[in-house]
Amino acid sequence: MNIKKVGEKNVVYLEGEINAQSGAEIKQKVLDLFSSSGGVVLSFKGVVYMNSSGLREIIDLLKNATKSKKELSLCEMSADIREMFSFTGLDRVFKIFDTEAKALG
């Protein structure tokens, strides 16, 4: 996972598989970033697979973001991962963008 600061936001470039273990690591890192930035953009460009445990960690991040009044955006999802968010109705809860540039607004 790589991180790039762009203005007031941090872009986190996720890679590989997102499961319970990697999801917990992502969540901890993003929670740390929330304390020092206006928001976080998660780029799924390098993600090849995400299971329900990984999805649960991303949902927890949104809960924390909402509670601490921070912005969390998602971008650059593969068709499969986008479908997972759509199928579960989470595409109506998360701010999901096609590109990093749009997510940064």
C-alpha atoms as a PDB file:
ATOM      1  CA  MET A   1       0.000   0.000   0.000  1.00  0.00           C
ATOM      2  CA  ASN A   2       1.378   3.355  -1.069  1.00  0.00           C
ATOM      3  CA  ILE A   3       0.178   6.755   0.116  1.00  0.00           C
ATOM      4  CA  LYS A   4       0.355  10.127  -1.631  1.00  0.00           C
ATOM      5  CA  LYS A   5      -0.701  13.458  -0.104  1.00  0.00           C
ATOM      6  CA  VAL A   6      -2.663  15.669  -2.477  1.00  0.00           C
ATOM      7  CA  GLY A   7      -3.703  18.961  -0.915  1.00  0.00           C
ATOM      8  CA  GLU A   8      -5.759  18.220   2.205  1.00  0.00           C
ATOM      9  CA  LYS A   9      -6.370  14.588   1.229  1.00  0.00           C
ATOM     10  CA  ASN A  10      -4.345  11.406   1.223  1.00  0.00           C
ATOM     11  CA  VAL A  11      -4.656   8.900  -1.616  1.00  0.00           C
ATOM     12  CA  VAL A  12      -4.115   5.313  -0.487  1.00  0.00           C
ATOM     13  CA  TYR A  13      -3.230   2.928  -3.304  1.00  0.00           C
ATOM     14  CA  LEU A  14      -4.485  -0.513  -2.308  1.00  0.00           C
ATOM     15  CA  GLU A  15      -2.875  -3.618  -3.810  1.00  0.00           C
ATOM     16  CA  GLY A  16      -3.459  -7.350  -4.104  1.00  0.00           C
ATOM     17  CA  GLU A  17      -6.205  -8.980  -2.076  1.00  0.00           C
ATOM     18  CA  ILE A  18      -8.306  -7.313   0.591  1.00  0.00           C
ATOM     19  CA  ASN A  19      -9.306  -9.821   3.267  1.00  0.00           C
ATOM     20  CA  ALA A  20      -9.639  -9.785   7.048  1.00  0.00           C
ATOM     21  CA  GLN A  21      -5.893  -9.450   7.685  1.00  0.00           C
ATOM     22  CA  SER A  22      -5.014  -6.918   4.984  1.00  0.00           C
ATOM     23  CA  GLY A  23      -8.300  -5.090   5.610  1.00  0.00           C
ATOM     24  CA  ALA A  24      -7.413  -4.611   9.283  1.00  0.00           C
ATOM     25  CA  GLU A  25      -4.011  -3.203   8.291  1.00  0.00           C
ATOM     26  CA  ILE A  26      -5.651  -0.840   5.793  1.00  0.00           C
ATOM     27  CA  LYS A  27      -8.196   0.267   8.379  1.00  0.00           C
ATOM     28  CA  GLN A  28      -5.519   1.081  10.973  1.00  0.00           C
ATOM     29  CA  LYS A  29      -3.430   3.042   8.466  1.00  0.00           C
ATOM     30  CA  VAL A  30      -6.437   5.036   7.211  1.00  0.00           C
ATOM     31  CA  LEU A  31      -7.596   5.788  10.764  1.00  0.00           C
ATOM     32  CA  ASP A  32      -4.123   7.221  11.417  1.00  0.00           C
ATOM     33  CA  LEU A  33      -4.415   9.322   8.241  1.00  0.00           C
ATOM     34  CA  PHE A  34      -7.819  10.675   9.323  1.00  0.00           C
ATOM     35  CA  SER A  35      -6.152  12.339  12.303  1.00  0.00           C
ATOM     36  CA  SER A  36      -3.775  14.283  10.050  1.00  0.00           C
ATOM     37  CA  SER A  37      -5.827  15.033   6.928  1.00  0.00           C
ATOM     38  CA  GLY A  38      -9.140  16.309   5.661  1.00  0.00           C
ATOM     39  CA  GLY A  39      -9.995  13.062   3.975  1.00  0.00           C
ATOM     40  CA  VAL A  40      -8.831   9.866   2.339  1.00  0.00           C
ATOM     41  CA  VAL A  41      -9.288   8.480  -1.158  1.00  0.00           C
ATOM     42  CA  LEU A  42      -8.910   4.712  -1.491  1.00  0.00           C
ATOM     43  CA  SER A  43      -7.737   3.710  -4.964  1.00  0.00           C
ATOM     44  CA  PHE A  44      -8.678   0.133  -5.808  1.00  0.00           C
ATOM     45  CA  LYS A  45      -6.672   0.158  -9.052  1.00  0.00           C
ATOM     46  CA  GLY A  46      -4.228  -2.505  -7.823  1.00  0.00           C
ATOM     47  CA  VAL A  47      -6.800  -4.704  -6.049  1.00  0.00           C
ATOM     48  CA  VAL A  48      -7.354  -8.097  -7.657  1.00  0.00           C
ATOM     49  CA  TYR A  49      -9.782  -9.569  -5.105  1.00  0.00           C
ATOM     50  CA  MET A  50     -11.808  -8.540  -2.075  1.00  0.00           C
ATOM     51  CA  ASN A  51     -13.850 -10.853   0.131  1.00  0.00           C
ATOM     52  CA  SER A  52     -16.646 -10.063   2.584  1.00  0.00           C
ATOM     53  CA  SER A  53     -14.195  -9.709   5.489  1.00  0.00           C
ATOM     54  CA  GLY A  54     -12.267  -7.071   3.562  1.00  0.00           C
ATOM     55  CA  LEU A  55     -15.513  -5.340   2.659  1.00  0.00           C
ATOM     56  CA  ARG A  56     -16.468  -5.246   6.341  1.00  0.00           C
ATOM     57  CA  GLU A  57     -13.216  -3.402   7.146  1.00  0.00           C
ATOM     58  CA  ILE A  58     -13.973  -0.810   4.443  1.00  0.00           C
ATOM     59  CA  ILE A  59     -17.480  -0.361   5.897  1.00  0.00           C
ATOM     60  CA  ASP A  60     -15.932   0.166   9.356  1.00  0.00           C
ATOM     61  CA  LEU A  61     -13.753   2.890   7.837  1.00  0.00           C
ATOM     62  CA  LEU A  62     -16.836   4.681   6.551  1.00  0.00           C
ATOM     63  CA  LYS A  63     -18.428   4.515  10.009  1.00  0.00           C
ATOM     64  CA  ASN A  64     -15.280   6.007  11.538  1.00  0.00           C
ATOM     65  CA  ALA A  65     -15.068   8.672   8.831  1.00  0.00           C
ATOM     66  CA  THR A  66     -18.665   9.700   9.420  1.00  0.00           C
ATOM     67  CA  LYS A  67     -18.177   9.791  13.181  1.00  0.00           C
ATOM     68  CA  SER A  68     -15.050  11.943  12.936  1.00  0.00           C
ATOM     69  CA  LYS A  69     -16.504  14.102  10.124  1.00  0.00           C
ATOM     70  CA  LYS A  70     -13.826  13.070   7.621  1.00  0.00           C
ATOM     71  CA  GLU A  71     -14.344  12.379   3.948  1.00  0.00           C
ATOM     72  CA  LEU A  72     -13.793   8.878   2.543  1.00  0.00           C
ATOM     73  CA  SER A  73     -13.955   8.319  -1.206  1.00  0.00           C
ATOM     74  CA  LEU A  74     -13.313   5.209  -3.285  1.00  0.00           C
ATOM     75  CA  CYS A  75     -12.062   5.117  -6.873  1.00  0.00           C
ATOM     76  CA  GLU A  76     -10.685   3.050  -9.737  1.00  0.00           C
ATOM     77  CA  MET A  77     -12.532  -0.179  -8.918  1.00  0.00           C
ATOM     78  CA  SER A  78     -12.507  -3.206 -11.187  1.00  0.00           C
ATOM     79  CA  ALA A  79     -15.863  -4.277 -12.590  1.00  0.00           C
ATOM     80  CA  ASP A  80     -16.030  -7.190 -10.123  1.00  0.00           C
ATOM     81  CA  ILE A  81     -15.441  -5.074  -7.035  1.00  0.00           C
ATOM     82  CA  ARG A  82     -17.781  -2.350  -8.280  1.00  0.00           C
ATOM     83  CA  GLU A  83     -20.417  -5.059  -8.765  1.00  0.00           C
ATOM     84  CA  MET A  84     -19.933  -6.210  -5.154  1.00  0.00           C
ATOM     85  CA  PHE A  85     -20.672  -2.672  -3.929  1.00  0.00           C
ATOM     86  CA  SER A  86     -23.648  -2.401  -6.269  1.00  0.00           C
ATOM     87  CA  PHE A  87     -25.074  -5.820  -5.357  1.00  0.00           C
ATOM     88  CA  THR A  88     -24.920  -5.029  -1.638  1.00  0.00           C
ATOM     89  CA  GLY A  89     -26.348  -1.530  -2.100  1.00  0.00           C
ATOM     90  CA  LEU A  90     -23.148   0.029  -0.773  1.00  0.00           C
ATOM     91  CA  ASP A  91     -22.727   2.041  -3.966  1.00  0.00           C
ATOM     92  CA  ARG A  92     -25.465   4.288  -2.576  1.00  0.00           C
ATOM     93  CA  VAL A  93     -23.630   4.714   0.748  1.00  0.00           C
ATOM     94  CA  PHE A  94     -20.030   5.257  -0.393  1.00  0.00           C
ATOM     95  CA  LYS A  95     -18.748   8.030  -2.635  1.00  0.00           C
ATOM     96  CA  ILE A  96     -17.404   6.006  -5.573  1.00  0.00           C
ATOM     97  CA  PHE A  97     -15.620   7.608  -8.520  1.00  0.00           C
ATOM     98  CA  ASP A  98     -14.253   6.212 -11.791  1.00  0.00           C
ATOM     99  CA  THR A  99     -10.950   8.076 -11.557  1.00  0.00           C
ATOM    100  CA  GLU A 100      -8.616   9.397  -8.878  1.00  0.00           C
ATOM    101  CA  ALA A 101      -8.931  12.917 -10.304  1.00  0.00           C
ATOM    102  CA  LYS A 102     -12.719  12.881  -9.873  1.00  0.00           C
ATOM    103  CA  ALA A 103     -12.380  11.506  -6.334  1.00  0.00           C
ATOM    104  CA  LEU A 104     -10.038  14.355  -5.439  1.00  0.00           C
ATOM    105  CA  GLY A 105     -12.617  16.745  -6.923  1.00  0.00           C
END
